[in-house]
N, C-alpha and C. Protein backbone atom coordinates (compact mmCIF):
# COMPACT_ATOMS: atom_id res chain seq x y z
N MET A 1 81.23 -79.69 -97.52
CA MET A 1 80.42 -80.24 -98.05
C MET A 1 80.55 -81.48 -97.53
N GLU A 2 79.80 -82.02 -97.94
CA GLU A 2 80.01 -83.48 -97.49
C GLU A 2 80.35 -84.94 -98.67
N PRO A 3 80.93 -85.30 -98.70
CA PRO A 3 81.73 -85.80 -99.04
C PRO A 3 80.83 -86.68 -99.98
N THR A 4 80.86 -87.23 -101.98
CA THR A 4 80.44 -88.02 -102.25
C THR A 4 80.61 -89.44 -102.44
N ILE A 5 79.69 -90.58 -102.38
CA ILE A 5 80.62 -91.97 -103.38
C ILE A 5 79.62 -92.35 -103.80
N ARG A 6 80.44 -93.39 -104.68
CA ARG A 6 79.50 -94.01 -105.92
C ARG A 6 79.33 -95.46 -105.07
N ALA A 7 79.11 -96.84 -105.84
CA ALA A 7 79.54 -97.92 -105.01
C ALA A 7 78.71 -98.38 -106.42
N ILE A 8 80.55 -99.16 -106.64
CA ILE A 8 80.20 -99.72 -107.55
C ILE A 8 79.75 -101.63 -107.44
N THR A 9 78.59 -101.98 -108.24
CA THR A 9 78.23 -103.53 -108.16
C THR A 9 79.03 -104.60 -108.48
N CYS A 10 79.25 -105.45 -108.39
CA CYS A 10 80.00 -107.11 -108.92
C CYS A 10 79.12 -107.71 -109.43
N PRO A 11 79.25 -108.56 -110.73
CA PRO A 11 78.82 -108.18 -112.14
C PRO A 11 78.30 -109.71 -111.88
N HIS A 12 78.57 -110.47 -111.09
CA HIS A 12 78.53 -111.69 -110.84
C HIS A 12 77.43 -111.69 -109.33
N CYS A 13 78.32 -111.92 -108.24
CA CYS A 13 76.70 -111.45 -106.90
C CYS A 13 75.40 -109.90 -107.26
N LYS A 14 76.36 -109.52 -107.15
CA LYS A 14 75.60 -107.61 -107.63
C LYS A 14 75.33 -107.04 -105.56
N HIS A 15 76.64 -107.42 -105.15
CA HIS A 15 76.53 -106.34 -103.81
C HIS A 15 77.92 -105.90 -104.24
N ILE A 16 78.72 -105.28 -103.16
CA ILE A 16 78.85 -103.94 -103.79
C ILE A 16 80.12 -104.31 -103.82
N LEU A 17 81.67 -103.86 -104.93
CA LEU A 17 82.35 -104.95 -105.63
C LEU A 17 83.98 -103.22 -104.57
N PHE A 18 83.54 -102.20 -105.21
CA PHE A 18 83.93 -100.88 -104.45
C PHE A 18 83.58 -99.85 -104.15
N ALA A 19 83.84 -98.99 -104.20
CA ALA A 19 83.78 -98.15 -103.83
C ALA A 19 84.79 -96.75 -104.50
N LEU A 20 84.01 -95.76 -104.76
CA LEU A 20 84.45 -94.57 -105.66
C LEU A 20 84.52 -93.06 -104.85
N GLU A 21 85.37 -92.24 -104.31
CA GLU A 21 84.38 -91.02 -103.02
C GLU A 21 85.82 -89.40 -104.50
N MET A 22 84.74 -89.09 -104.25
CA MET A 22 85.36 -87.79 -105.10
C MET A 22 85.39 -87.36 -103.95
N GLU A 23 86.99 -86.08 -104.75
CA GLU A 23 88.77 -85.62 -103.78
C GLU A 23 88.57 -84.48 -104.70
N THR A 24 88.82 -83.36 -103.81
CA THR A 24 88.32 -82.32 -104.92
C THR A 24 89.88 -82.08 -104.41
N LYS A 25 91.33 -81.43 -105.01
CA LYS A 25 92.12 -80.26 -104.84
C LYS A 25 92.83 -79.58 -105.55
N GLY A 26 92.76 -78.71 -105.00
CA GLY A 26 93.93 -77.68 -105.82
C GLY A 26 92.89 -77.23 -107.35
N GLY A 27 91.80 -76.52 -107.18
CA GLY A 27 90.32 -76.79 -107.92
C GLY A 27 90.40 -78.33 -108.82
N GLY A 28 90.54 -79.58 -108.97
CA GLY A 28 90.23 -80.30 -109.94
C GLY A 28 89.11 -81.69 -109.37
N ALA A 29 88.95 -82.11 -109.19
CA ALA A 29 87.94 -83.32 -108.88
C ALA A 29 88.79 -84.08 -109.86
N ALA A 30 88.31 -85.72 -108.41
CA ALA A 30 89.16 -86.97 -108.87
C ALA A 30 88.82 -87.83 -107.84
N TRP A 31 88.08 -88.96 -108.48
CA TRP A 31 86.94 -89.70 -107.76
C TRP A 31 88.55 -90.72 -107.74
N ASN A 32 88.48 -91.04 -106.50
CA ASN A 32 89.02 -92.14 -106.04
C ASN A 32 88.57 -94.40 -105.27
N ILE A 33 89.66 -94.29 -105.57
CA ILE A 33 88.28 -96.32 -105.24
C ILE A 33 89.29 -95.48 -103.35
N THR A 34 87.99 -96.02 -102.62
CA THR A 34 87.49 -95.84 -101.03
C THR A 34 89.36 -96.75 -100.77
N LYS A 35 89.65 -96.28 -99.21
CA LYS A 35 90.47 -97.30 -98.68
C LYS A 35 90.03 -99.01 -97.61
N ASP A 36 87.98 -98.98 -98.59
CA ASP A 36 88.50 -100.09 -97.66
C ASP A 36 87.79 -101.40 -98.74
N SER A 37 87.84 -101.02 -99.15
CA SER A 37 88.06 -101.45 -101.28
C SER A 37 88.81 -102.62 -101.33
N PRO A 38 88.23 -103.36 -102.20
CA PRO A 38 90.18 -104.27 -102.31
C PRO A 38 90.89 -103.93 -103.15
N ALA A 39 92.64 -103.42 -102.55
CA ALA A 39 93.17 -104.10 -104.25
C ALA A 39 93.00 -104.43 -105.53
N VAL A 40 93.88 -103.40 -105.76
CA VAL A 40 92.97 -103.65 -107.28
C VAL A 40 94.75 -104.18 -108.16
N GLN A 41 94.20 -105.72 -107.90
CA GLN A 41 95.50 -106.55 -108.11
C GLN A 41 95.86 -106.30 -110.05
N ASN A 42 96.85 -107.37 -110.59
CA ASN A 42 97.54 -107.88 -111.51
C ASN A 42 97.98 -108.83 -112.06
N ASP A 43 97.17 -109.52 -113.15
CA ASP A 43 98.04 -110.96 -113.56
C ASP A 43 98.05 -110.55 -115.21
N ALA A 44 98.48 -112.44 -115.70
CA ALA A 44 98.81 -112.27 -117.21
C ALA A 44 97.33 -111.45 -117.76
N ALA A 45 95.61 -112.02 -116.73
CA ALA A 45 95.07 -111.75 -118.05
C ALA A 45 95.04 -110.28 -118.08
N GLY A 46 94.81 -109.49 -116.94
CA GLY A 46 95.06 -108.13 -116.43
C GLY A 46 94.85 -107.52 -115.69
N MET A 47 94.80 -106.37 -114.68
CA MET A 47 94.21 -105.53 -113.68
C MET A 47 92.41 -106.35 -113.44
N PHE A 48 92.31 -106.46 -112.32
CA PHE A 48 91.57 -107.32 -111.82
C PHE A 48 91.28 -107.10 -109.90
N MET A 49 89.92 -106.60 -109.80
CA MET A 49 89.37 -106.84 -108.25
C MET A 49 89.17 -108.35 -107.61
N THR A 50 88.55 -108.35 -106.87
CA THR A 50 88.69 -109.83 -105.95
C THR A 50 86.85 -109.95 -104.83
N CYS A 51 86.16 -110.05 -104.93
CA CYS A 51 84.77 -109.15 -105.16
C CYS A 51 84.99 -110.36 -103.72
N ALA A 52 84.21 -109.01 -102.33
CA ALA A 52 84.78 -109.57 -101.12
C ALA A 52 84.10 -110.69 -100.40
N LYS A 53 82.35 -110.10 -101.34
CA LYS A 53 80.88 -111.98 -101.25
C LYS A 53 81.64 -112.61 -102.18
N CYS A 54 81.83 -112.90 -102.88
CA CYS A 54 81.16 -114.23 -103.59
C CYS A 54 82.95 -114.46 -103.93
N ALA A 55 84.20 -113.91 -103.88
CA ALA A 55 85.72 -114.50 -104.07
C ALA A 55 86.15 -114.16 -105.73
N LYS A 56 84.73 -113.64 -106.42
CA LYS A 56 85.17 -114.42 -108.14
C LYS A 56 85.71 -113.21 -108.82
N ARG A 57 87.06 -112.99 -109.38
CA ARG A 57 88.34 -112.87 -110.07
C ARG A 57 87.23 -111.34 -110.86
N VAL A 58 87.41 -109.49 -110.38
CA VAL A 58 86.36 -109.19 -111.76
C VAL A 58 86.96 -108.08 -112.17
N ALA A 59 87.51 -107.95 -113.64
CA ALA A 59 88.19 -107.61 -114.05
C ALA A 59 87.36 -105.82 -114.07
N VAL A 60 88.79 -105.40 -113.61
CA VAL A 60 88.65 -103.68 -113.87
C VAL A 60 89.95 -102.91 -114.92
N GLU A 61 89.17 -101.95 -114.87
CA GLU A 61 90.19 -101.30 -116.25
C GLU A 61 90.18 -99.48 -115.33
N LYS A 62 90.76 -98.38 -115.97
CA LYS A 62 91.28 -97.22 -115.80
C LYS A 62 90.85 -96.58 -116.41
N VAL A 63 89.81 -95.52 -116.66
CA VAL A 63 89.26 -94.81 -117.18
C VAL A 63 89.86 -93.38 -117.18
N ALA A 64 90.54 -92.98 -118.10
CA ALA A 64 90.93 -91.09 -118.12
C ALA A 64 90.71 -90.62 -119.19
N GLY A 65 90.10 -89.69 -119.25
CA GLY A 65 90.31 -88.61 -119.66
C GLY A 65 90.20 -87.18 -118.91
N PRO A 66 89.43 -85.82 -119.68
CA PRO A 66 89.54 -85.08 -119.50
C PRO A 66 88.44 -83.77 -118.12
N GLY A 67 89.44 -84.52 -117.44
CA GLY A 67 89.00 -84.49 -116.22
C GLY A 67 88.66 -85.51 -115.48
N VAL A 68 88.58 -86.40 -115.36
CA VAL A 68 88.33 -88.28 -115.34
C VAL A 68 89.59 -88.55 -114.98
N ASP A 69 89.77 -89.02 -114.09
CA ASP A 69 90.68 -90.48 -113.72
C ASP A 69 90.36 -91.69 -112.42
N THR A 70 89.56 -92.70 -112.83
CA THR A 70 89.10 -93.67 -112.18
C THR A 70 89.00 -94.86 -112.60
N TRP A 71 88.66 -96.07 -111.90
CA TRP A 71 88.19 -97.07 -112.77
C TRP A 71 87.00 -96.81 -112.89
N LYS A 72 86.79 -98.91 -113.33
CA LYS A 72 85.13 -99.11 -113.65
C LYS A 72 85.47 -100.82 -114.19
N VAL A 73 84.50 -101.55 -113.89
CA VAL A 73 84.72 -102.61 -114.54
C VAL A 73 84.76 -102.92 -115.12
N ALA A 74 85.21 -103.40 -115.59
CA ALA A 74 85.33 -103.91 -117.79
C ALA A 74 84.49 -104.56 -118.18
N ASN A 75 83.94 -104.19 -119.17
CA ASN A 75 82.86 -104.93 -119.65
C ASN A 75 83.62 -106.49 -120.39
N ASN A 76 84.45 -107.09 -119.90
CA ASN A 76 84.75 -107.84 -120.53
C ASN A 76 85.41 -108.91 -118.67
N ALA A 77 83.83 -108.55 -118.07
CA ALA A 77 84.45 -108.54 -116.21
C ALA A 77 83.63 -110.37 -116.17
N ARG A 78 82.92 -111.08 -117.00
CA ARG A 78 82.15 -111.34 -116.57
C ARG A 78 82.44 -112.72 -117.00
N ASN A 79 83.28 -112.42 -118.24
CA ASN A 79 84.15 -114.05 -118.66
C ASN A 79 84.33 -114.50 -117.81
């Protein structure tokens, strides 16, 4: 089976911020950040990534639920 990848864009410059790839193990599946994506960092304002294109801070948040464990751009990312 071919791997599935999702590209997540920067809310500031619209270039790819990070990518997620589907990993299936033991009958389960999870979206994981690709190795070439920027690292998730943490500061007093919370979790974030720095866009490789525009160098702006982009707030991210972990999404967890039934069958879901991944990252997304936070609703307040443009602040």
